[in-house]
C-alpha cells in the first residue's frame, strides 16, 4: 500500500513556539468568541420567550457553539426588537 507523501502530519505549535502576532491574534479571537457568547446569553435572558424563535434552552445551548451559535441566534433566533426598559 503506497503512502501519500504529500500529506505530512504537522505538529501543533505550543504557546511558547508561537510568534507574538499569532499570540495576539489568538487572544483577539478568544475575546471575540467570549463576547459573542456573553452577549447572546444576556439577550436570551432578557428577551421574552414570545420574541424568540424556538425554545430559549435550545438557543442557550446553541450559543456555546463557536461563533456559529451566537451569530445564528442573532440572525435567526430573534423575532423582533427587544422591548425598551
C-alpha atoms as a PDB file:
ATOM      1  CA  UNK A   1       0.000   0.000   0.000  1.00  0.00           C
ATOM      2  CA  UNK A   2       1.538   3.290  -1.100  1.00  0.00           C
ATOM      3  CA  UNK A   3       1.533   6.174   1.349  1.00  0.00           C
ATOM      4  CA  UNK A   4       0.589   9.636   0.191  1.00  0.00           C
ATOM      5  CA  UNK A   5       3.813  11.581   0.733  1.00  0.00           C
ATOM      6  CA  UNK A   6       2.151  14.963   0.168  1.00  0.00           C
ATOM      7  CA  UNK A   7       0.211  14.533   3.404  1.00  0.00           C
ATOM      8  CA  UNK A   8       2.633  15.322   6.165  1.00  0.00           C
ATOM      9  CA  UNK A   9       1.387  15.445   9.715  1.00  0.00           C
ATOM     10  CA  UNK A  10       2.113  18.862  11.195  1.00  0.00           C
ATOM     11  CA  UNK A  11       2.869  19.199  14.853  1.00  0.00           C
ATOM     12  CA  UNK A  12       0.765  21.796  16.617  1.00  0.00           C
ATOM     13  CA  UNK A  13       2.759  24.685  17.973  1.00  0.00           C
ATOM     14  CA  UNK A  14       2.809  25.314  21.683  1.00  0.00           C
ATOM     15  CA  UNK A  15       2.167  28.784  23.105  1.00  0.00           C
ATOM     16  CA  UNK A  16       5.918  29.344  23.536  1.00  0.00           C
ATOM     17  CA  UNK A  17       6.584  28.471  19.888  1.00  0.00           C
ATOM     18  CA  UNK A  18       4.011  30.938  18.519  1.00  0.00           C
ATOM     19  CA  UNK A  19       5.058  34.345  17.209  1.00  0.00           C
ATOM     20  CA  UNK A  20       3.848  37.462  19.051  1.00  0.00           C
ATOM     21  CA  UNK A  21       1.465  38.223  16.181  1.00  0.00           C
ATOM     22  CA  UNK A  22      -0.024  34.722  16.386  1.00  0.00           C
ATOM     23  CA  UNK A  23      -0.445  35.065  20.138  1.00  0.00           C
ATOM     24  CA  UNK A  24      -2.195  38.425  19.736  1.00  0.00           C
ATOM     25  CA  UNK A  25      -4.480  37.013  17.046  1.00  0.00           C
ATOM     26  CA  UNK A  26      -5.385  34.036  19.221  1.00  0.00           C
ATOM     27  CA  UNK A  27      -6.193  36.311  22.150  1.00  0.00           C
ATOM     28  CA  UNK A  28      -8.336  38.622  19.968  1.00  0.00           C
ATOM     29  CA  UNK A  29     -10.304  35.702  18.514  1.00  0.00           C
ATOM     30  CA  UNK A  30     -10.849  34.358  22.037  1.00  0.00           C
ATOM     31  CA  UNK A  31     -12.103  37.727  23.266  1.00  0.00           C
ATOM     32  CA  UNK A  32     -14.471  37.999  20.297  1.00  0.00           C
ATOM     33  CA  UNK A  33     -15.818  34.480  20.932  1.00  0.00           C
ATOM     34  CA  UNK A  34     -16.446  35.091  24.637  1.00  0.00           C
ATOM     35  CA  UNK A  35     -18.004  38.494  23.918  1.00  0.00           C
ATOM     36  CA  UNK A  36     -20.448  36.976  21.425  1.00  0.00           C
ATOM     37  CA  UNK A  37     -21.316  34.201  23.875  1.00  0.00           C
ATOM     38  CA  UNK A  38     -21.947  36.573  26.782  1.00  0.00           C
ATOM     39  CA  UNK A  39     -23.960  38.970  24.617  1.00  0.00           C
ATOM     40  CA  UNK A  40     -26.132  36.167  23.244  1.00  0.00           C
ATOM     41  CA  UNK A  41     -26.730  34.664  26.699  1.00  0.00           C
ATOM     42  CA  UNK A  42     -27.629  38.069  28.119  1.00  0.00           C
ATOM     43  CA  UNK A  43     -30.030  38.779  25.262  1.00  0.00           C
ATOM     44  CA  UNK A  44     -31.690  35.370  25.677  1.00  0.00           C
ATOM     45  CA  UNK A  45     -32.148  36.038  29.394  1.00  0.00           C
ATOM     46  CA  UNK A  46     -33.658  39.481  28.924  1.00  0.00           C
ATOM     47  CA  UNK A  47     -35.833  38.826  25.855  1.00  0.00           C
ATOM     48  CA  UNK A  48     -39.336  37.424  26.461  1.00  0.00           C
ATOM     49  CA  UNK A  49     -39.892  33.898  25.142  1.00  0.00           C
ATOM     50  CA  UNK A  50     -42.543  35.219  22.732  1.00  0.00           C
ATOM     51  CA  UNK A  51     -39.865  37.215  20.905  1.00  0.00           C
ATOM     52  CA  UNK A  52     -37.552  34.219  20.366  1.00  0.00           C
ATOM     53  CA  UNK A  53     -37.944  31.715  17.537  1.00  0.00           C
ATOM     54  CA  UNK A  54     -37.907  28.337  19.289  1.00  0.00           C
ATOM     55  CA  UNK A  55     -37.201  27.378  22.887  1.00  0.00           C
ATOM     56  CA  UNK A  56     -34.837  29.526  24.936  1.00  0.00           C
ATOM     57  CA  UNK A  57     -32.986  26.454  26.214  1.00  0.00           C
ATOM     58  CA  UNK A  58     -32.129  25.344  22.702  1.00  0.00           C
ATOM     59  CA  UNK A  59     -30.728  28.781  21.849  1.00  0.00           C
ATOM     60  CA  UNK A  60     -28.776  28.855  25.110  1.00  0.00           C
ATOM     61  CA  UNK A  61     -27.132  25.541  24.213  1.00  0.00           C
ATOM     62  CA  UNK A  62     -26.540  26.580  20.598  1.00  0.00           C
ATOM     63  CA  UNK A  63     -24.822  29.791  21.734  1.00  0.00           C
ATOM     64  CA  UNK A  64     -21.954  27.676  23.106  1.00  0.00           C
ATOM     65  CA  UNK A  65     -21.014  26.520  19.589  1.00  0.00           C
ATOM     66  CA  UNK A  66     -18.069  28.641  18.464  1.00  0.00           C
ATOM     67  CA  UNK A  67     -19.131  31.775  16.567  1.00  0.00           C
ATOM     68  CA  UNK A  68     -21.856  29.855  14.701  1.00  0.00           C
ATOM     69  CA  UNK A  69     -24.197  29.632  17.689  1.00  0.00           C
ATOM     70  CA  UNK A  70     -24.294  33.297  18.730  1.00  0.00           C
ATOM     71  CA  UNK A  71     -24.336  34.546  15.139  1.00  0.00           C
ATOM     72  CA  UNK A  72     -27.123  32.080  14.349  1.00  0.00           C
ATOM     73  CA  UNK A  73     -29.115  33.301  17.343  1.00  0.00           C
ATOM     74  CA  UNK A  74     -28.749  36.967  16.377  1.00  0.00           C
ATOM     75  CA  UNK A  75     -29.620  36.134  12.755  1.00  0.00           C
ATOM     76  CA  UNK A  76     -32.435  33.582  13.120  1.00  0.00           C
ATOM     77  CA  UNK A  77     -33.381  33.349  16.804  1.00  0.00           C
ATOM     78  CA  UNK A  78     -34.879  36.765  17.475  1.00  0.00           C
ATOM     79  CA  UNK A  79     -38.320  37.741  16.205  1.00  0.00           C
ATOM     80  CA  UNK A  80     -38.209  41.468  16.828  1.00  0.00           C
ATOM     81  CA  UNK A  81     -36.594  44.283  18.722  1.00  0.00           C
ATOM     82  CA  UNK A  82     -36.250  43.844  22.454  1.00  0.00           C
ATOM     83  CA  UNK A  83     -38.664  45.998  24.450  1.00  0.00           C
ATOM     84  CA  UNK A  84     -37.185  49.135  25.941  1.00  0.00           C
ATOM     85  CA  UNK A  85     -36.861  49.178  29.715  1.00  0.00           C
END
